[in-house]
Amino acid sequence: MPASPFTRDVMDAILAIPPGRVATYGGIARLAGSPRAARQVVRVLHTYGEKEGLPWQRVINAAGRIALPRGGGFEEQRRLLRAEGVAVDDRGRVDLDRYLWRPQI
């Protein structure tokens, strides 16, 4: 089954996040045209992240934290972000003032 237009827009937005930057689930939802669909962004990442080669590690929650649990992807996301030059503390926090991607719309 082909992806819906919203799903395609979410994937395109995630693919546009540059290395060394992060976006929030809600920010991606807004870019995809559905500002209240942050949970759907999570679903898209879960369903298509690996299959479509999405840079899933660049998407974090609105509080500037890695949302995945320890032992359930947290460590991998932190490692991948750090490898791109994003400072992530041991609790999974990212300074959004410094690293948040702000696309010109």
N, C-alpha and C. Protein backbone atom coordinates (compact mmCIF):
# COMPACT_ATOMS: atom_id res chain seq x y z
N MET A 1 0.85 -1.19 0.00
CA MET A 1 0.00 0.00 0.00
C MET A 1 0.89 1.24 0.00
N PRO A 2 0.66 2.16 -0.92
CA PRO A 2 1.49 3.36 -0.98
C PRO A 2 1.25 4.28 0.22
N ALA A 3 2.26 5.07 0.53
CA ALA A 3 2.17 6.00 1.66
C ALA A 3 1.16 7.11 1.34
N SER A 4 0.47 7.57 2.38
CA SER A 4 -0.48 8.68 2.22
C SER A 4 0.30 9.97 1.93
N PRO A 5 -0.38 11.00 1.43
CA PRO A 5 0.31 12.28 1.21
C PRO A 5 0.93 12.83 2.51
N PHE A 6 0.23 12.70 3.63
CA PHE A 6 0.78 13.17 4.90
C PHE A 6 2.06 12.39 5.23
N THR A 7 2.01 11.08 5.09
CA THR A 7 3.18 10.26 5.39
C THR A 7 4.35 10.65 4.50
N ARG A 8 4.10 10.86 3.22
CA ARG A 8 5.15 11.27 2.29
C ARG A 8 5.72 12.63 2.71
N ASP A 9 4.85 13.56 3.11
CA ASP A 9 5.31 14.89 3.55
C ASP A 9 6.16 14.78 4.82
N VAL A 10 5.76 13.90 5.73
CA VAL A 10 6.55 13.67 6.95
C VAL A 10 7.93 13.13 6.58
N MET A 11 7.95 12.13 5.71
CA MET A 11 9.24 11.55 5.31
C MET A 11 10.12 12.59 4.62
N ASP A 12 9.53 13.40 3.75
CA ASP A 12 10.31 14.45 3.06
C ASP A 12 10.88 15.45 4.06
N ALA A 13 10.09 15.82 5.06
CA ALA A 13 10.56 16.77 6.07
C ALA A 13 11.71 16.17 6.88
N ILE A 14 11.59 14.92 7.26
CA ILE A 14 12.65 14.27 8.03
C ILE A 14 13.92 14.15 7.20
N LEU A 15 13.78 13.83 5.93
CA LEU A 15 14.94 13.73 5.06
C LEU A 15 15.63 15.08 4.87
N ALA A 16 14.91 16.17 5.06
CA ALA A 16 15.48 17.50 4.87
C ALA A 16 16.27 18.01 6.09
N ILE A 17 16.13 17.35 7.24
CA ILE A 17 16.86 17.80 8.43
C ILE A 17 18.35 17.61 8.18
N PRO A 18 19.12 18.69 8.25
CA PRO A 18 20.55 18.54 7.97
C PRO A 18 21.29 17.81 9.09
N PRO A 19 22.39 17.15 8.76
CA PRO A 19 23.23 16.55 9.80
C PRO A 19 23.65 17.64 10.79
N GLY A 20 23.69 17.26 12.07
CA GLY A 20 24.08 18.21 13.10
C GLY A 20 22.94 19.07 13.60
N ARG A 21 21.74 18.81 13.14
CA ARG A 21 20.54 19.53 13.58
C ARG A 21 19.49 18.52 14.01
N VAL A 22 18.52 18.99 14.79
CA VAL A 22 17.40 18.15 15.20
C VAL A 22 16.10 18.87 14.92
N ALA A 23 15.03 18.13 14.87
CA ALA A 23 13.68 18.66 14.76
C ALA A 23 12.83 17.95 15.81
N THR A 24 11.69 18.54 16.13
CA THR A 24 10.78 17.89 17.07
C THR A 24 9.69 17.17 16.30
N TYR A 25 9.06 16.21 16.96
CA TYR A 25 7.95 15.50 16.34
C TYR A 25 6.87 16.50 15.91
N GLY A 26 6.56 17.44 16.77
CA GLY A 26 5.54 18.45 16.45
C GLY A 26 5.96 19.36 15.32
N GLY A 27 7.24 19.71 15.27
CA GLY A 27 7.74 20.55 14.19
C GLY A 27 7.62 19.86 12.84
N ILE A 28 7.92 18.57 12.82
CA ILE A 28 7.77 17.81 11.58
C ILE A 28 6.29 17.73 11.20
N ALA A 29 5.42 17.52 12.17
CA ALA A 29 3.98 17.47 11.89
C ALA A 29 3.51 18.79 11.28
N ARG A 30 3.98 19.92 11.83
CA ARG A 30 3.62 21.24 11.28
C ARG A 30 4.10 21.37 9.84
N LEU A 31 5.34 20.98 9.58
CA LEU A 31 5.86 21.06 8.21
C LEU A 31 5.05 20.20 7.24
N ALA A 32 4.52 19.09 7.75
CA ALA A 32 3.72 18.18 6.92
C ALA A 32 2.27 18.63 6.80
N GLY A 33 1.93 19.74 7.44
CA GLY A 33 0.59 20.29 7.29
C GLY A 33 -0.43 19.87 8.33
N SER A 34 0.00 19.16 9.37
CA SER A 34 -0.91 18.72 10.43
C SER A 34 -0.28 18.99 11.78
N PRO A 35 -0.36 20.22 12.26
CA PRO A 35 0.37 20.60 13.48
C PRO A 35 0.03 19.80 14.73
N ARG A 36 -1.09 19.11 14.74
CA ARG A 36 -1.46 18.34 15.93
C ARG A 36 -1.18 16.85 15.78
N ALA A 37 -0.36 16.51 14.81
CA ALA A 37 -0.14 15.09 14.49
C ALA A 37 1.24 14.58 14.89
N ALA A 38 1.78 15.08 16.00
CA ALA A 38 3.11 14.63 16.44
C ALA A 38 3.15 13.12 16.64
N ARG A 39 2.10 12.55 17.19
CA ARG A 39 2.09 11.09 17.41
C ARG A 39 2.10 10.32 16.09
N GLN A 40 1.52 10.92 15.07
CA GLN A 40 1.55 10.25 13.76
C GLN A 40 2.96 10.27 13.18
N VAL A 41 3.74 11.31 13.51
CA VAL A 41 5.14 11.35 13.08
C VAL A 41 5.89 10.18 13.70
N VAL A 42 5.60 9.90 14.96
CA VAL A 42 6.22 8.74 15.62
C VAL A 42 5.87 7.46 14.85
N ARG A 43 4.62 7.33 14.47
CA ARG A 43 4.17 6.15 13.72
C ARG A 43 4.91 6.03 12.39
N VAL A 44 5.04 7.15 11.68
CA VAL A 44 5.75 7.13 10.40
C VAL A 44 7.20 6.69 10.60
N LEU A 45 7.85 7.24 11.63
CA LEU A 45 9.24 6.86 11.90
C LEU A 45 9.35 5.37 12.21
N HIS A 46 8.42 4.88 13.01
CA HIS A 46 8.44 3.46 13.37
C HIS A 46 8.22 2.57 12.15
N THR A 47 7.29 2.96 11.29
CA THR A 47 6.91 2.15 10.14
C THR A 47 7.91 2.25 8.99
N TYR A 48 8.38 3.46 8.71
CA TYR A 48 9.18 3.69 7.51
C TYR A 48 10.63 4.07 7.77
N GLY A 49 11.01 4.32 9.02
CA GLY A 49 12.34 4.83 9.31
C GLY A 49 13.47 4.05 8.68
N GLU A 50 13.52 2.78 8.98
CA GLU A 50 14.61 1.94 8.46
C GLU A 50 14.41 1.65 6.98
N LYS A 51 13.19 1.30 6.61
CA LYS A 51 12.88 0.92 5.23
C LYS A 51 13.19 2.05 4.24
N GLU A 52 12.94 3.30 4.64
CA GLU A 52 13.15 4.45 3.77
C GLU A 52 14.47 5.18 4.04
N GLY A 53 15.27 4.67 4.97
CA GLY A 53 16.54 5.31 5.28
C GLY A 53 16.41 6.69 5.89
N LEU A 54 15.37 6.88 6.69
CA LEU A 54 15.14 8.18 7.32
C LEU A 54 16.16 8.43 8.44
N PRO A 55 16.66 9.64 8.57
CA PRO A 55 17.58 9.97 9.67
C PRO A 55 16.78 10.16 10.96
N TRP A 56 16.22 9.08 11.45
CA TRP A 56 15.30 9.08 12.59
C TRP A 56 15.93 9.68 13.83
N GLN A 57 17.25 9.57 13.96
CA GLN A 57 17.92 10.05 15.15
C GLN A 57 17.79 11.56 15.31
N ARG A 58 17.47 12.27 14.24
CA ARG A 58 17.39 13.73 14.29
C ARG A 58 16.05 14.25 14.79
N VAL A 59 15.13 13.36 15.13
CA VAL A 59 13.81 13.77 15.61
C VAL A 59 13.70 13.46 17.10
N ILE A 60 13.43 14.51 17.89
CA ILE A 60 13.34 14.39 19.35
C ILE A 60 12.05 15.04 19.83
N ASN A 61 11.81 14.96 21.12
CA ASN A 61 10.55 15.52 21.62
C ASN A 61 10.64 17.04 21.83
N ALA A 62 9.51 17.65 22.11
CA ALA A 62 9.42 19.11 22.22
C ALA A 62 10.20 19.66 23.39
N ALA A 63 10.51 18.83 24.37
CA ALA A 63 11.30 19.26 25.52
C ALA A 63 12.80 19.22 25.22
N GLY A 64 13.16 18.80 24.00
CA GLY A 64 14.55 18.71 23.63
C GLY A 64 15.24 17.47 24.15
N ARG A 65 14.48 16.40 24.28
CA ARG A 65 15.03 15.14 24.82
C ARG A 65 14.78 13.99 23.86
N ILE A 66 15.66 13.02 23.95
CA ILE A 66 15.44 11.76 23.26
C ILE A 66 14.25 11.08 23.94
N ALA A 67 13.28 10.68 23.14
CA ALA A 67 12.06 10.09 23.71
C ALA A 67 12.15 8.57 23.89
N LEU A 68 13.08 7.94 23.22
CA LEU A 68 13.20 6.49 23.32
C LEU A 68 13.73 6.09 24.69
N PRO A 69 13.30 4.95 25.20
CA PRO A 69 13.76 4.52 26.52
C PRO A 69 15.18 3.95 26.46
N ARG A 70 15.83 3.98 27.61
CA ARG A 70 17.14 3.32 27.71
C ARG A 70 16.95 1.84 27.41
N GLY A 71 17.85 1.29 26.65
CA GLY A 71 17.74 -0.11 26.25
C GLY A 71 16.77 -0.33 25.11
N GLY A 72 16.11 0.74 24.65
CA GLY A 72 15.13 0.63 23.58
C GLY A 72 15.38 1.63 22.47
N GLY A 73 16.65 1.97 22.28
CA GLY A 73 17.02 2.90 21.21
C GLY A 73 17.66 4.18 21.69
N PHE A 74 17.51 4.50 22.99
CA PHE A 74 18.07 5.73 23.55
C PHE A 74 19.57 5.84 23.26
N GLU A 75 20.30 4.81 23.60
CA GLU A 75 21.76 4.85 23.46
C GLU A 75 22.19 5.00 22.00
N GLU A 76 21.50 4.30 21.11
CA GLU A 76 21.85 4.39 19.69
C GLU A 76 21.56 5.80 19.16
N GLN A 77 20.41 6.37 19.53
CA GLN A 77 20.08 7.71 19.07
C GLN A 77 21.10 8.72 19.60
N ARG A 78 21.45 8.60 20.86
CA ARG A 78 22.44 9.51 21.45
C ARG A 78 23.78 9.37 20.72
N ARG A 79 24.19 8.14 20.47
CA ARG A 79 25.46 7.91 19.78
C ARG A 79 25.44 8.51 18.37
N LEU A 80 24.36 8.30 17.64
CA LEU A 80 24.26 8.82 16.27
C LEU A 80 24.25 10.34 16.26
N LEU A 81 23.53 10.95 17.18
CA LEU A 81 23.51 12.41 17.24
C LEU A 81 24.88 12.97 17.59
N ARG A 82 25.52 12.37 18.56
CA ARG A 82 26.87 12.82 18.94
C ARG A 82 27.84 12.68 17.77
N ALA A 83 27.70 11.62 16.99
CA ALA A 83 28.58 11.41 15.83
C ALA A 83 28.39 12.51 14.79
N GLU A 84 27.21 13.15 14.78
CA GLU A 84 26.94 14.25 13.86
C GLU A 84 27.33 15.60 14.46
N GLY A 85 27.84 15.59 15.68
CA GLY A 85 28.27 16.84 16.31
C GLY A 85 27.23 17.49 17.20
N VAL A 86 26.11 16.81 17.44
CA VAL A 86 25.08 17.34 18.34
C VAL A 86 25.45 16.97 19.77
N ALA A 87 25.53 17.97 20.63
CA ALA A 87 25.82 17.71 22.04
C ALA A 87 24.57 17.15 22.70
N VAL A 88 24.69 15.95 23.23
CA VAL A 88 23.58 15.29 23.92
C VAL A 88 24.11 14.88 25.28
N ASP A 89 23.45 15.34 26.35
CA ASP A 89 23.95 14.97 27.67
C ASP A 89 23.55 13.53 28.01
N ASP A 90 24.01 13.06 29.14
CA ASP A 90 23.76 11.67 29.51
C ASP A 90 22.29 11.37 29.78
N ARG A 91 21.48 12.42 29.97
CA ARG A 91 20.04 12.23 30.18
C ARG A 91 19.26 12.36 28.87
N GLY A 92 19.98 12.57 27.76
CA GLY A 92 19.32 12.65 26.46
C GLY A 92 18.84 14.02 26.07
N ARG A 93 19.33 15.05 26.75
CA ARG A 93 18.90 16.42 26.45
C ARG A 93 19.77 17.05 25.36
N VAL A 94 19.10 17.81 24.49
CA VAL A 94 19.75 18.55 23.42
C VAL A 94 19.35 20.02 23.59
N ASP A 95 20.28 20.93 23.42
CA ASP A 95 20.00 22.36 23.50
C ASP A 95 19.29 22.79 22.21
N LEU A 96 17.98 22.98 22.30
CA LEU A 96 17.20 23.35 21.11
C LEU A 96 17.58 24.73 20.59
N ASP A 97 17.99 25.64 21.46
CA ASP A 97 18.41 26.96 20.99
C ASP A 97 19.60 26.84 20.04
N ARG A 98 20.42 25.86 20.26
CA ARG A 98 21.63 25.67 19.46
C ARG A 98 21.43 24.74 18.27
N TYR A 99 20.68 23.66 18.44
CA TYR A 99 20.64 22.60 17.43
C TYR A 99 19.32 22.45 16.68
N LEU A 100 18.28 23.17 17.08
CA LEU A 100 16.98 23.00 16.41
C LEU A 100 17.06 23.50 14.97
N TRP A 101 16.61 22.67 14.06
CA TRP A 101 16.54 23.03 12.63
C TRP A 101 15.34 23.93 12.44
N ARG A 102 15.58 25.07 11.84
CA ARG A 102 14.53 26.04 11.58
C ARG A 102 14.46 26.29 10.07
N PRO A 103 13.70 25.46 9.37
CA PRO A 103 13.64 25.61 7.90
C PRO A 103 12.95 26.91 7.49
N GLN A 104 13.40 27.43 6.39
CA GLN A 104 12.76 28.61 5.82
C GLN A 104 11.57 28.13 5.00
N ILE A 105 10.37 28.47 5.45
CA ILE A 105 9.17 27.98 4.76
C ILE A 105 8.63 29.06 3.85
